[in-house]
């Protein structure tokens, strides 16, 4: 168990700089396989803006959502509490579940002690949102907004946009109507939320 009181400034900085070390610290029981390391490295490069777009294609139950939609947003907000994140999935319920999981990471004792500048509302702050479809970072511009593909995303921009499992099943994947609808939503709604350099 990591004794957080012993963390020096350079160690905190390492956890902000390194997605891999961040995961090892906030989720010490995480089991890494070679494909996780590849994905973590790709997310690292995305956060550093060395790549602008990333498509992750993995079979179900291989850790994609855990790394990309739960741990990565928590780390991105640790690196920069002003990061603006929108995450979408085939249903609003699934996107909301990932939102809540990300909040649990940020509200964990380890995270809070290492990254005190990234703090979520405890209900006392005026104008700061915290629910299962959106949470704001207190005193900063950062937020995490979740939505279903096809749903509305109004009034917010994003510096990081994540679409995790936009298609529910093979039936939807085979449907020209669904694919056209999802593409229309992506181009007319999701993509229009991007801030410069997103």
N, C-alpha and C. Protein backbone atom coordinates (compact mmCIF):
# COMPACT_ATOMS: atom_id res chain seq x y z
N UNK A 1 0.84 -1.19 0.00
CA UNK A 1 0.00 0.00 0.00
C UNK A 1 0.88 1.25 0.00
N UNK A 2 0.57 2.17 -0.87
CA UNK A 2 1.35 3.39 -1.02
C UNK A 2 1.08 4.34 0.15
N UNK A 3 2.14 4.78 0.81
CA UNK A 3 2.00 5.79 1.86
C UNK A 3 2.02 7.15 1.19
N UNK A 4 0.84 7.75 1.06
CA UNK A 4 0.72 8.99 0.30
C UNK A 4 1.44 10.15 0.96
N UNK A 5 1.65 10.09 2.27
CA UNK A 5 2.34 11.18 2.95
C UNK A 5 3.81 11.25 2.53
N UNK A 6 4.34 10.17 1.97
CA UNK A 6 5.74 10.14 1.55
C UNK A 6 5.95 10.63 0.13
N UNK A 7 4.88 10.91 -0.57
CA UNK A 7 5.02 11.35 -1.96
C UNK A 7 5.72 12.71 -2.02
N UNK A 8 6.77 12.76 -2.76
CA UNK A 8 7.46 14.02 -3.00
C UNK A 8 6.85 14.68 -4.24
N UNK A 9 7.18 15.92 -4.45
CA UNK A 9 6.65 16.66 -5.60
C UNK A 9 6.93 15.98 -6.92
N UNK A 10 8.14 15.44 -7.08
CA UNK A 10 8.49 14.80 -8.36
C UNK A 10 7.69 13.52 -8.57
N UNK A 11 7.33 12.81 -7.48
CA UNK A 11 6.52 11.61 -7.62
C UNK A 11 5.09 11.96 -8.03
N UNK A 12 4.56 13.01 -7.45
CA UNK A 12 3.23 13.49 -7.86
C UNK A 12 3.24 13.88 -9.33
N UNK A 13 4.30 14.57 -9.71
CA UNK A 13 4.43 14.99 -11.11
C UNK A 13 4.49 13.78 -12.04
N UNK A 14 5.18 12.73 -11.61
CA UNK A 14 5.26 11.50 -12.41
C UNK A 14 3.85 10.92 -12.63
N UNK A 15 3.03 10.91 -11.59
CA UNK A 15 1.68 10.36 -11.72
C UNK A 15 0.81 11.23 -12.62
N UNK A 16 1.09 12.52 -12.67
CA UNK A 16 0.36 13.40 -13.60
C UNK A 16 0.86 13.20 -15.03
N UNK A 17 2.15 12.92 -15.18
CA UNK A 17 2.73 12.76 -16.51
C UNK A 17 2.51 11.37 -17.09
N UNK A 18 2.47 10.34 -16.27
CA UNK A 18 2.46 8.96 -16.75
C UNK A 18 1.13 8.27 -16.46
N UNK A 19 0.39 7.97 -17.51
CA UNK A 19 -0.88 7.28 -17.36
C UNK A 19 -0.68 5.90 -16.73
N UNK A 20 0.37 5.22 -17.15
CA UNK A 20 0.68 3.89 -16.60
C UNK A 20 0.89 3.95 -15.09
N UNK A 21 1.72 4.87 -14.62
CA UNK A 21 1.99 4.98 -13.19
C UNK A 21 0.75 5.44 -12.43
N UNK A 22 -0.06 6.27 -13.06
CA UNK A 22 -1.32 6.69 -12.46
C UNK A 22 -2.21 5.47 -12.18
N UNK A 23 -2.37 4.60 -13.18
CA UNK A 23 -3.22 3.41 -13.00
C UNK A 23 -2.65 2.52 -11.90
N UNK A 24 -1.33 2.31 -11.91
CA UNK A 24 -0.71 1.46 -10.88
C UNK A 24 -0.97 2.01 -9.48
N UNK A 25 -1.09 3.32 -9.36
CA UNK A 25 -1.27 3.94 -8.05
C UNK A 25 -2.73 3.96 -7.61
N UNK A 26 -3.64 4.39 -8.48
CA UNK A 26 -5.04 4.51 -8.06
C UNK A 26 -5.79 3.18 -8.14
N UNK A 27 -5.26 2.22 -8.91
CA UNK A 27 -5.88 0.92 -9.01
C UNK A 27 -4.79 -0.16 -8.93
N UNK A 28 -4.19 -0.32 -7.74
CA UNK A 28 -3.02 -1.20 -7.61
C UNK A 28 -3.29 -2.67 -7.94
N UNK A 29 -4.53 -3.09 -7.95
CA UNK A 29 -4.84 -4.48 -8.28
C UNK A 29 -5.09 -4.70 -9.77
N UNK A 30 -4.90 -3.64 -10.58
CA UNK A 30 -5.12 -3.76 -12.02
C UNK A 30 -4.11 -4.75 -12.61
N UNK A 31 -4.59 -5.69 -13.42
CA UNK A 31 -3.72 -6.68 -14.05
C UNK A 31 -3.44 -6.24 -15.48
N UNK A 32 -2.18 -5.95 -15.77
CA UNK A 32 -1.78 -5.47 -17.08
C UNK A 32 -1.41 -6.63 -18.00
N UNK A 33 -1.88 -6.57 -19.22
CA UNK A 33 -1.46 -7.48 -20.27
C UNK A 33 -0.81 -6.63 -21.35
N UNK A 34 -0.20 -7.25 -22.35
CA UNK A 34 0.52 -6.49 -23.37
C UNK A 34 -0.41 -5.51 -24.09
N UNK A 35 -1.66 -5.91 -24.34
CA UNK A 35 -2.56 -5.02 -25.08
C UNK A 35 -2.97 -3.82 -24.23
N UNK A 36 -3.03 -3.99 -22.90
CA UNK A 36 -3.31 -2.84 -22.04
C UNK A 36 -2.18 -1.81 -22.14
N UNK A 37 -0.95 -2.31 -22.15
CA UNK A 37 0.20 -1.40 -22.24
C UNK A 37 0.19 -0.62 -23.55
N UNK A 38 -0.20 -1.30 -24.64
CA UNK A 38 -0.31 -0.61 -25.93
C UNK A 38 -1.39 0.48 -25.87
N UNK A 39 -2.53 0.13 -25.28
CA UNK A 39 -3.64 1.08 -25.18
C UNK A 39 -3.28 2.25 -24.27
N UNK A 40 -2.65 1.96 -23.15
CA UNK A 40 -2.23 3.02 -22.23
C UNK A 40 -1.26 3.97 -22.91
N UNK A 41 -0.32 3.42 -23.68
CA UNK A 41 0.63 4.26 -24.41
C UNK A 41 -0.09 5.13 -25.44
N UNK A 42 -1.07 4.56 -26.13
CA UNK A 42 -1.83 5.34 -27.12
C UNK A 42 -2.61 6.46 -26.44
N UNK A 43 -3.21 6.18 -25.29
CA UNK A 43 -3.94 7.23 -24.54
C UNK A 43 -2.99 8.30 -24.04
N UNK A 44 -1.79 7.89 -23.63
CA UNK A 44 -0.77 8.84 -23.20
C UNK A 44 -0.46 9.83 -24.34
N UNK A 45 -0.25 9.29 -25.53
CA UNK A 45 0.07 10.15 -26.67
C UNK A 45 -1.10 11.05 -27.04
N UNK A 46 -2.31 10.56 -26.84
CA UNK A 46 -3.50 11.37 -27.11
C UNK A 46 -3.57 12.54 -26.12
N UNK A 47 -3.34 12.27 -24.85
CA UNK A 47 -3.37 13.33 -23.83
C UNK A 47 -2.30 14.38 -24.08
N UNK A 48 -1.16 13.94 -24.60
CA UNK A 48 -0.06 14.86 -24.90
C UNK A 48 -0.26 15.56 -26.24
N UNK A 49 -1.36 15.25 -26.92
CA UNK A 49 -1.71 15.82 -28.23
C UNK A 49 -0.68 15.46 -29.30
N UNK A 50 -0.03 14.32 -29.11
CA UNK A 50 0.88 13.82 -30.14
C UNK A 50 0.11 13.12 -31.24
N UNK A 51 -1.09 12.66 -30.92
CA UNK A 51 -2.03 12.15 -31.91
C UNK A 51 -3.36 12.87 -31.68
N UNK A 52 -4.10 13.08 -32.78
CA UNK A 52 -5.37 13.81 -32.65
C UNK A 52 -6.58 12.90 -32.60
N UNK A 53 -6.49 11.74 -33.21
CA UNK A 53 -7.61 10.81 -33.25
C UNK A 53 -7.09 9.42 -32.91
N UNK A 54 -7.89 8.68 -32.18
CA UNK A 54 -7.51 7.33 -31.78
C UNK A 54 -8.74 6.43 -31.91
N UNK A 55 -8.61 5.35 -32.64
CA UNK A 55 -9.67 4.35 -32.74
C UNK A 55 -9.17 3.09 -32.07
N UNK A 56 -9.92 2.62 -31.08
CA UNK A 56 -9.55 1.43 -30.33
C UNK A 56 -10.53 0.32 -30.70
N UNK A 57 -9.99 -0.76 -31.23
CA UNK A 57 -10.83 -1.90 -31.62
C UNK A 57 -10.32 -3.14 -30.89
N UNK A 58 -11.12 -3.61 -29.94
CA UNK A 58 -10.78 -4.79 -29.15
C UNK A 58 -12.03 -5.63 -28.96
N UNK A 59 -11.85 -6.92 -28.75
CA UNK A 59 -13.02 -7.76 -28.43
C UNK A 59 -13.64 -7.31 -27.10
N UNK A 60 -14.89 -7.66 -26.86
CA UNK A 60 -15.51 -7.35 -25.56
C UNK A 60 -14.72 -7.96 -24.40
N UNK A 61 -14.78 -7.29 -23.24
CA UNK A 61 -14.19 -7.78 -22.00
C UNK A 61 -12.66 -7.81 -22.02
N UNK A 62 -12.06 -6.88 -22.76
CA UNK A 62 -10.60 -6.81 -22.81
C UNK A 62 -10.05 -5.52 -22.17
N UNK A 63 -10.89 -4.77 -21.45
CA UNK A 63 -10.42 -3.63 -20.69
C UNK A 63 -10.48 -2.29 -21.39
N UNK A 64 -11.08 -2.25 -22.57
CA UNK A 64 -11.13 -1.01 -23.34
C UNK A 64 -11.86 0.10 -22.59
N UNK A 65 -13.07 -0.19 -22.12
CA UNK A 65 -13.86 0.84 -21.43
C UNK A 65 -13.23 1.25 -20.11
N UNK A 66 -12.66 0.29 -19.40
CA UNK A 66 -12.02 0.60 -18.12
C UNK A 66 -10.88 1.60 -18.32
N UNK A 67 -10.06 1.35 -19.33
CA UNK A 67 -8.92 2.23 -19.58
C UNK A 67 -9.37 3.55 -20.21
N UNK A 68 -10.17 3.48 -21.27
CA UNK A 68 -10.47 4.68 -22.06
C UNK A 68 -11.55 5.57 -21.44
N UNK A 69 -12.61 4.98 -20.90
CA UNK A 69 -13.75 5.79 -20.46
C UNK A 69 -13.82 6.03 -18.97
N UNK A 70 -13.04 5.30 -18.19
CA UNK A 70 -13.08 5.48 -16.74
C UNK A 70 -11.75 6.04 -16.23
N UNK A 71 -10.65 5.30 -16.45
CA UNK A 71 -9.36 5.73 -15.93
C UNK A 71 -8.76 6.91 -16.69
N UNK A 72 -8.86 6.89 -18.02
CA UNK A 72 -8.27 7.97 -18.81
C UNK A 72 -8.88 9.34 -18.48
N UNK A 73 -10.21 9.49 -18.41
CA UNK A 73 -10.75 10.81 -18.04
C UNK A 73 -10.31 11.26 -16.65
N UNK A 74 -10.26 10.32 -15.69
CA UNK A 74 -9.81 10.69 -14.34
C UNK A 74 -8.37 11.19 -14.37
N UNK A 75 -7.52 10.52 -15.15
CA UNK A 75 -6.13 10.95 -15.26
C UNK A 75 -6.01 12.27 -16.02
N UNK A 76 -6.79 12.40 -17.10
CA UNK A 76 -6.74 13.64 -17.88
C UNK A 76 -7.11 14.84 -17.00
N UNK A 77 -8.09 14.66 -16.12
CA UNK A 77 -8.48 15.74 -15.21
C UNK A 77 -7.45 15.95 -14.10
N UNK A 78 -6.67 14.92 -13.76
CA UNK A 78 -5.56 15.09 -12.81
C UNK A 78 -4.43 15.89 -13.47
N UNK A 79 -4.17 15.60 -14.72
CA UNK A 79 -3.14 16.35 -15.48
C UNK A 79 -3.54 17.80 -15.65
N UNK A 80 -4.82 17.99 -15.97
CA UNK A 80 -5.32 19.33 -16.27
C UNK A 80 -6.76 19.44 -15.81
N UNK A 81 -7.03 20.05 -14.65
CA UNK A 81 -8.39 20.15 -14.14
C UNK A 81 -9.33 20.98 -15.02
N UNK A 82 -8.78 21.61 -16.06
CA UNK A 82 -9.61 22.38 -17.00
C UNK A 82 -9.98 21.57 -18.25
N UNK A 83 -9.58 20.32 -18.29
CA UNK A 83 -9.91 19.46 -19.44
C UNK A 83 -11.43 19.29 -19.50
N UNK A 84 -11.97 19.37 -20.71
CA UNK A 84 -13.42 19.24 -20.90
C UNK A 84 -13.68 17.97 -21.69
N UNK A 85 -14.38 17.03 -21.06
CA UNK A 85 -14.53 15.68 -21.62
C UNK A 85 -15.99 15.37 -21.88
N UNK A 86 -16.27 14.85 -23.06
CA UNK A 86 -17.59 14.32 -23.38
C UNK A 86 -17.41 12.86 -23.75
N UNK A 87 -18.19 11.99 -23.11
CA UNK A 87 -18.16 10.57 -23.40
C UNK A 87 -19.55 10.12 -23.83
N UNK A 88 -19.62 9.39 -24.94
CA UNK A 88 -20.89 8.90 -25.45
C UNK A 88 -20.82 7.39 -25.64
N UNK A 89 -21.97 6.75 -25.51
CA UNK A 89 -22.09 5.32 -25.76
C UNK A 89 -23.44 5.07 -26.41
N UNK A 90 -23.70 3.81 -26.79
CA UNK A 90 -24.94 3.51 -27.49
C UNK A 90 -26.17 3.84 -26.66
N UNK A 91 -26.04 3.87 -25.34
CA UNK A 91 -27.17 4.26 -24.50
C UNK A 91 -26.72 5.26 -23.46
N UNK A 92 -27.62 6.15 -23.08
CA UNK A 92 -27.32 7.12 -22.04
C UNK A 92 -27.03 6.42 -20.72
N UNK A 93 -27.69 5.29 -20.46
CA UNK A 93 -27.47 4.55 -19.21
C UNK A 93 -26.04 4.05 -19.09
N UNK A 94 -25.51 3.48 -20.18
CA UNK A 94 -24.13 2.99 -20.16
C UNK A 94 -23.15 4.15 -20.00
N UNK A 95 -23.39 5.25 -20.70
CA UNK A 95 -22.52 6.42 -20.58
C UNK A 95 -22.56 6.97 -19.16
N UNK A 96 -23.74 6.99 -18.54
CA UNK A 96 -23.88 7.47 -17.16
C UNK A 96 -23.15 6.55 -16.18
N UNK A 97 -23.18 5.24 -16.43
CA UNK A 97 -22.47 4.31 -15.56
C UNK A 97 -20.97 4.58 -15.60
N UNK A 98 -20.43 4.87 -16.79
CA UNK A 98 -19.00 5.18 -16.90
C UNK A 98 -18.69 6.51 -16.20
N UNK A 99 -19.62 7.46 -16.29
CA UNK A 99 -19.47 8.74 -15.59
C UNK A 99 -19.35 8.49 -14.08
N UNK A 100 -20.26 7.69 -13.54
CA UNK A 100 -20.24 7.40 -12.10
C UNK A 100 -18.95 6.67 -11.69
N UNK A 101 -18.49 5.75 -12.53
CA UNK A 101 -17.25 5.03 -12.23
C UNK A 101 -16.05 5.98 -12.20
N UNK A 102 -16.03 6.93 -13.13
CA UNK A 102 -14.95 7.92 -13.15
C UNK A 102 -15.01 8.78 -11.89
N UNK A 103 -16.22 9.14 -11.48
CA UNK A 103 -16.36 9.92 -10.24
C UNK A 103 -15.83 9.14 -9.03
N UNK A 104 -16.09 7.83 -9.00
CA UNK A 104 -15.59 7.02 -7.88
C UNK A 104 -14.06 7.04 -7.80
N UNK A 105 -13.42 7.03 -8.97
CA UNK A 105 -11.95 7.09 -8.98
C UNK A 105 -11.49 8.44 -8.43
N UNK A 106 -12.10 9.51 -8.93
CA UNK A 106 -11.70 10.86 -8.51
C UNK A 106 -11.99 11.11 -7.03
N UNK A 107 -13.03 10.51 -6.51
CA UNK A 107 -13.40 10.70 -5.10
C UNK A 107 -12.72 9.70 -4.17
N UNK A 108 -11.90 8.82 -4.73
CA UNK A 108 -11.17 7.87 -3.89
C UNK A 108 -10.09 8.57 -3.08
N UNK A 109 -9.77 8.01 -1.94
CA UNK A 109 -8.79 8.63 -1.03
C UNK A 109 -7.43 8.83 -1.69
N UNK A 110 -6.99 7.84 -2.46
CA UNK A 110 -5.68 7.95 -3.11
C UNK A 110 -5.65 9.12 -4.06
N UNK A 111 -6.64 9.20 -4.94
CA UNK A 111 -6.71 10.27 -5.93
C UNK A 111 -6.78 11.63 -5.25
N UNK A 112 -7.67 11.76 -4.28
CA UNK A 112 -7.87 13.05 -3.62
C UNK A 112 -6.61 13.54 -2.93
N UNK A 113 -5.85 12.62 -2.35
CA UNK A 113 -4.64 13.04 -1.65
C UNK A 113 -3.51 13.41 -2.61
N UNK A 114 -3.51 12.81 -3.80
CA UNK A 114 -2.45 13.11 -4.76
C UNK A 114 -2.79 14.33 -5.61
N UNK A 115 -4.08 14.46 -5.96
CA UNK A 115 -4.51 15.53 -6.88
C UNK A 115 -5.56 16.41 -6.23
N UNK A 116 -5.19 17.20 -5.24
CA UNK A 116 -6.18 18.01 -4.53
C UNK A 116 -6.81 19.11 -5.38
N UNK A 117 -6.19 19.47 -6.50
CA UNK A 117 -6.76 20.51 -7.37
C UNK A 117 -7.93 20.01 -8.21
N UNK A 118 -8.09 18.70 -8.30
CA UNK A 118 -9.20 18.12 -9.06
C UNK A 118 -10.20 17.58 -8.05
N UNK A 119 -11.18 18.42 -7.76
CA UNK A 119 -12.14 18.11 -6.70
C UNK A 119 -13.55 18.23 -7.25
N UNK A 120 -14.41 17.29 -6.85
CA UNK A 120 -15.80 17.31 -7.27
C UNK A 120 -16.67 17.90 -6.17
N UNK A 121 -17.83 18.39 -6.55
CA UNK A 121 -18.74 19.01 -5.61
C UNK A 121 -19.21 18.03 -4.54
N UNK A 122 -19.36 18.55 -3.34
CA UNK A 122 -19.97 17.78 -2.26
C UNK A 122 -21.32 18.36 -1.90
N UNK A 123 -21.89 19.12 -2.85
CA UNK A 123 -23.22 19.68 -2.67
C UNK A 123 -23.26 21.07 -2.05
N UNK A 124 -22.09 21.62 -1.72
CA UNK A 124 -22.05 22.93 -1.07
C UNK A 124 -21.79 24.07 -2.04
N UNK A 125 -21.26 23.75 -3.21
CA UNK A 125 -20.85 24.77 -4.16
C UNK A 125 -22.02 25.17 -5.05
N UNK A 126 -22.17 26.46 -5.26
CA UNK A 126 -23.25 26.97 -6.12
C UNK A 126 -22.80 26.92 -7.57
N UNK A 127 -23.66 26.43 -8.44
CA UNK A 127 -23.37 26.41 -9.87
C UNK A 127 -22.44 25.31 -10.33
N UNK A 128 -22.11 24.39 -9.45
CA UNK A 128 -21.24 23.27 -9.81
C UNK A 128 -22.10 22.01 -9.89
N UNK A 129 -22.06 21.35 -11.05
CA UNK A 129 -22.92 20.20 -11.29
C UNK A 129 -22.20 18.91 -10.93
N UNK A 130 -22.97 18.00 -10.34
CA UNK A 130 -22.45 16.64 -10.11
C UNK A 130 -23.63 15.68 -10.08
N UNK A 131 -23.80 14.98 -11.19
CA UNK A 131 -24.82 13.94 -11.28
C UNK A 131 -24.30 12.87 -12.23
N UNK A 132 -25.17 11.95 -12.65
CA UNK A 132 -24.69 10.83 -13.46
C UNK A 132 -24.56 11.17 -14.94
N UNK A 133 -24.94 12.38 -15.35
CA UNK A 133 -24.74 12.76 -16.74
C UNK A 133 -23.69 13.87 -16.89
N UNK A 134 -23.31 14.49 -15.77
CA UNK A 134 -22.29 15.52 -15.83
C UNK A 134 -21.70 15.75 -14.45
N UNK A 135 -20.38 15.96 -14.43
CA UNK A 135 -19.78 16.51 -13.22
C UNK A 135 -18.76 17.55 -13.61
N UNK A 136 -18.66 18.58 -12.77
CA UNK A 136 -17.73 19.68 -12.97
C UNK A 136 -16.62 19.59 -11.93
N UNK A 137 -15.44 20.09 -12.29
CA UNK A 137 -14.35 20.19 -11.34
C UNK A 137 -14.51 21.53 -10.62
N UNK A 138 -14.54 21.49 -9.30
CA UNK A 138 -14.77 22.68 -8.49
C UNK A 138 -13.65 23.71 -8.72
N UNK A 139 -14.05 24.93 -9.04
CA UNK A 139 -13.10 26.02 -9.21
C UNK A 139 -12.31 26.00 -10.50
N UNK A 140 -12.62 25.08 -11.40
CA UNK A 140 -11.90 24.96 -12.67
C UNK A 140 -12.91 24.90 -13.81
N UNK A 141 -12.41 24.83 -15.04
CA UNK A 141 -13.29 24.74 -16.22
C UNK A 141 -13.60 23.30 -16.60
N UNK A 142 -12.94 22.34 -15.95
CA UNK A 142 -13.07 20.95 -16.34
C UNK A 142 -14.43 20.35 -16.06
N UNK A 143 -14.83 19.43 -16.94
CA UNK A 143 -16.06 18.68 -16.74
C UNK A 143 -16.00 17.35 -17.47
N UNK A 144 -16.93 16.48 -17.10
CA UNK A 144 -17.13 15.18 -17.77
C UNK A 144 -18.62 15.09 -18.02
N UNK A 145 -18.99 15.08 -19.29
CA UNK A 145 -20.39 14.99 -19.69
C UNK A 145 -20.59 13.67 -20.41
N UNK A 146 -21.66 12.96 -20.07
CA UNK A 146 -21.95 11.68 -20.72
C UNK A 146 -23.30 11.76 -21.42
N UNK A 147 -23.40 11.04 -22.55
CA UNK A 147 -24.63 11.06 -23.33
C UNK A 147 -24.73 9.79 -24.16
N UNK A 148 -25.94 9.48 -24.57
CA UNK A 148 -26.15 8.38 -25.48
C UNK A 148 -25.97 8.85 -26.92
N UNK A 149 -25.49 7.96 -27.78
CA UNK A 149 -25.37 8.29 -29.21
C UNK A 149 -26.77 8.62 -29.71
N UNK A 150 -26.90 9.78 -30.34
CA UNK A 150 -28.20 10.24 -30.80
C UNK A 150 -28.82 11.24 -29.85
N UNK A 151 -28.30 11.32 -28.63
CA UNK A 151 -28.84 12.25 -27.63
C UNK A 151 -28.25 13.64 -27.77
N UNK A 152 -28.82 14.57 -27.05
CA UNK A 152 -28.37 15.96 -27.10
C UNK A 152 -27.14 16.21 -26.24
N UNK A 153 -26.29 17.08 -26.74
CA UNK A 153 -25.13 17.56 -25.98
C UNK A 153 -25.10 19.06 -26.20
N UNK A 154 -25.80 19.78 -25.39
CA UNK A 154 -25.90 21.21 -25.61
C UNK A 154 -25.19 21.99 -24.51
N UNK A 155 -24.69 23.14 -24.88
CA UNK A 155 -24.11 24.06 -23.91
C UNK A 155 -22.73 23.72 -23.42
N UNK A 156 -22.09 22.69 -23.96
CA UNK A 156 -20.73 22.35 -23.52
C UNK A 156 -19.84 22.09 -24.72
N UNK A 157 -18.57 22.34 -24.52
CA UNK A 157 -17.57 21.98 -25.51
C UNK A 157 -16.73 20.86 -24.96
N UNK A 158 -15.82 20.36 -25.78
CA UNK A 158 -14.92 19.32 -25.27
C UNK A 158 -13.53 19.50 -25.86
N UNK A 159 -12.55 19.19 -25.02
CA UNK A 159 -11.16 19.12 -25.46
C UNK A 159 -10.78 17.66 -25.68
N UNK A 160 -11.55 16.74 -25.07
CA UNK A 160 -11.41 15.31 -25.30
C UNK A 160 -12.80 14.74 -25.52
N UNK A 161 -13.01 14.10 -26.66
CA UNK A 161 -14.27 13.45 -26.95
C UNK A 161 -14.07 11.95 -27.08
N UNK A 162 -14.89 11.18 -26.37
CA UNK A 162 -14.76 9.73 -26.36
C UNK A 162 -16.09 9.12 -26.79
N UNK A 163 -16.04 8.23 -27.77
CA UNK A 163 -17.22 7.44 -28.12
C UNK A 163 -16.87 5.99 -27.84
N UNK A 164 -17.54 5.41 -26.86
CA UNK A 164 -17.26 4.05 -26.40
C UNK A 164 -18.47 3.17 -26.70
N UNK A 165 -18.28 2.19 -27.55
CA UNK A 165 -19.37 1.29 -27.96
C UNK A 165 -20.57 2.05 -28.51
N UNK A 166 -20.42 2.67 -29.68
CA UNK A 166 -21.55 3.42 -30.25
C UNK A 166 -22.66 2.51 -30.77
N UNK A 167 -22.37 1.23 -30.95
CA UNK A 167 -23.34 0.29 -31.51
C UNK A 167 -23.60 -0.79 -30.48
N UNK A 168 -24.87 -1.08 -30.21
CA UNK A 168 -25.25 -2.01 -29.16
C UNK A 168 -25.00 -3.47 -29.51
N UNK A 169 -25.31 -3.85 -30.75
CA UNK A 169 -25.23 -5.26 -31.11
C UNK A 169 -25.12 -5.41 -32.62
N UNK A 170 -25.06 -6.65 -33.08
CA UNK A 170 -24.90 -6.93 -34.51
C UNK A 170 -26.09 -6.43 -35.32
N UNK A 171 -27.26 -6.49 -34.74
CA UNK A 171 -28.46 -6.02 -35.45
C UNK A 171 -28.34 -4.53 -35.78
N UNK A 172 -27.91 -3.74 -34.81
CA UNK A 172 -27.70 -2.31 -35.07
C UNK A 172 -26.55 -2.11 -36.06
N UNK A 173 -25.49 -2.87 -35.91
CA UNK A 173 -24.34 -2.73 -36.81
C UNK A 173 -24.72 -3.03 -38.25
N UNK A 174 -25.65 -3.96 -38.44
CA UNK A 174 -26.08 -4.34 -39.79
C UNK A 174 -27.15 -3.41 -40.36
N UNK A 175 -27.65 -2.51 -39.55
CA UNK A 175 -28.73 -1.62 -39.98
C UNK A 175 -28.18 -0.36 -40.65
N UNK A 176 -28.46 -0.20 -41.91
CA UNK A 176 -28.04 1.01 -42.63
C UNK A 176 -28.68 2.24 -41.99
N UNK A 177 -29.93 2.11 -41.58
CA UNK A 177 -30.65 3.22 -40.96
C UNK A 177 -29.94 3.66 -39.68
N UNK A 178 -29.57 2.69 -38.83
CA UNK A 178 -28.89 3.04 -37.58
C UNK A 178 -27.53 3.68 -37.87
N UNK A 179 -26.78 3.08 -38.77
CA UNK A 179 -25.45 3.62 -39.08
C UNK A 179 -25.55 5.05 -39.61
N UNK A 180 -26.51 5.30 -40.49
CA UNK A 180 -26.69 6.66 -41.02
C UNK A 180 -27.08 7.63 -39.92
N UNK A 181 -27.96 7.18 -39.02
CA UNK A 181 -28.39 8.03 -37.90
C UNK A 181 -27.21 8.34 -36.98
N UNK A 182 -26.40 7.33 -36.67
CA UNK A 182 -25.24 7.55 -35.80
C UNK A 182 -24.23 8.50 -36.46
N UNK A 183 -24.01 8.33 -37.75
CA UNK A 183 -23.09 9.22 -38.46
C UNK A 183 -23.61 10.65 -38.47
N UNK A 184 -24.90 10.82 -38.70
CA UNK A 184 -25.52 12.15 -38.68
C UNK A 184 -25.34 12.80 -37.31
N UNK A 185 -25.56 12.02 -36.24
CA UNK A 185 -25.37 12.54 -34.89
C UNK A 185 -23.91 12.93 -34.66
N UNK A 186 -22.98 12.09 -35.12
CA UNK A 186 -21.56 12.39 -34.94
C UNK A 186 -21.18 13.70 -35.62
N UNK A 187 -21.60 13.87 -36.87
CA UNK A 187 -21.18 15.05 -37.63
C UNK A 187 -21.94 16.31 -37.23
N UNK A 188 -23.22 16.18 -36.86
CA UNK A 188 -24.02 17.37 -36.58
C UNK A 188 -24.06 17.75 -35.10
N UNK A 189 -23.74 16.81 -34.22
CA UNK A 189 -23.84 17.08 -32.77
C UNK A 189 -22.51 16.89 -32.08
N UNK A 190 -21.98 15.68 -32.06
CA UNK A 190 -20.77 15.38 -31.28
C UNK A 190 -19.57 16.19 -31.76
N UNK A 191 -19.28 16.13 -33.03
CA UNK A 191 -18.08 16.77 -33.59
C UNK A 191 -18.14 18.30 -33.45
N UNK A 192 -19.34 18.86 -33.44
CA UNK A 192 -19.47 20.31 -33.33
C UNK A 192 -19.13 20.83 -31.93
N UNK A 193 -18.97 19.94 -30.98
CA UNK A 193 -18.63 20.32 -29.61
C UNK A 193 -17.13 20.50 -29.40
N UNK A 194 -16.31 20.10 -30.39
CA UNK A 194 -14.86 20.13 -30.23
C UNK A 194 -14.32 21.55 -30.12
N UNK A 195 -13.51 21.76 -29.10
CA UNK A 195 -12.77 23.01 -28.96
C UNK A 195 -11.56 22.94 -29.90
N UNK A 196 -10.94 24.09 -30.22
CA UNK A 196 -9.73 24.04 -31.04
C UNK A 196 -8.67 23.15 -30.40
N UNK A 197 -8.11 22.25 -31.18
CA UNK A 197 -7.08 21.33 -30.68
C UNK A 197 -7.61 20.12 -29.96
N UNK A 198 -8.94 19.94 -29.98
CA UNK A 198 -9.54 18.78 -29.27
C UNK A 198 -9.05 17.50 -29.91
